[in-house]
Amino acid sequence: MDILTWAEYPCSLIYYLICNRMCYLVYISTDLEDDLSQRNSALISFEKDFTYYEPEIIDLLLYKYHWYVGSKAGCSCTFRHLSSIELGFGEPVYWFEEPSDEIEATKIFYDEISSLISQGNKVDCIEIWAGTKKDQIKRLEVDLSSVPRDAFRFFENHHFVFNNSERKTDNQL
């Protein structure tokens, strides 16, 4: 068996090896069939490539259409994250420096999810540290009307189920 140098590995394999050891991964599902990759920017991307995904994690997603959400780094590391939920949602503070592009990327994510919800679509999201097992993921109901855009951040190993209690349905005035 030949031994390959790093330069000879396919990029996706290198990405997989790195991400399966030290990266955040964000997956969403929605009932909307549209191509979310049309919303990609320099800071956020929606990808259908699930070549190297965690099948048992994806099975937790609630809706039919699944997307991997990458940040500018390719993985999902350059969004706002906390390893614990104890501090809850909160705006950036001066004494805990967060890169401005991570703050902006997270705002774009929030805007996209909020837009989908306001149009009547259903959306959920799983944010994990690579290698997380299914039984380590905790479910969290997130009412976007209660979480301001600037305060949203991801919590490691959580399954976010989004809604907006202020969204009016056809049966409401």
Foldseek 3Di string as FASTA:
>chain_A
DDDDDPVPDDPVVVVLVVQLVFAKWKKKAKQDPDDCQVVDDLFKGWDPDVVRDDVLQVVPHDYDGMTIMPGNVRHNHLAFEDQDCVVPFAADDPVDDHDPSNLVSQLSVLVVVVVCQLVPMWMKMFMERRPDDPVQAAEDEDAPCPHDSRRDHYHHRYIYGYHHPPRDDPPGD
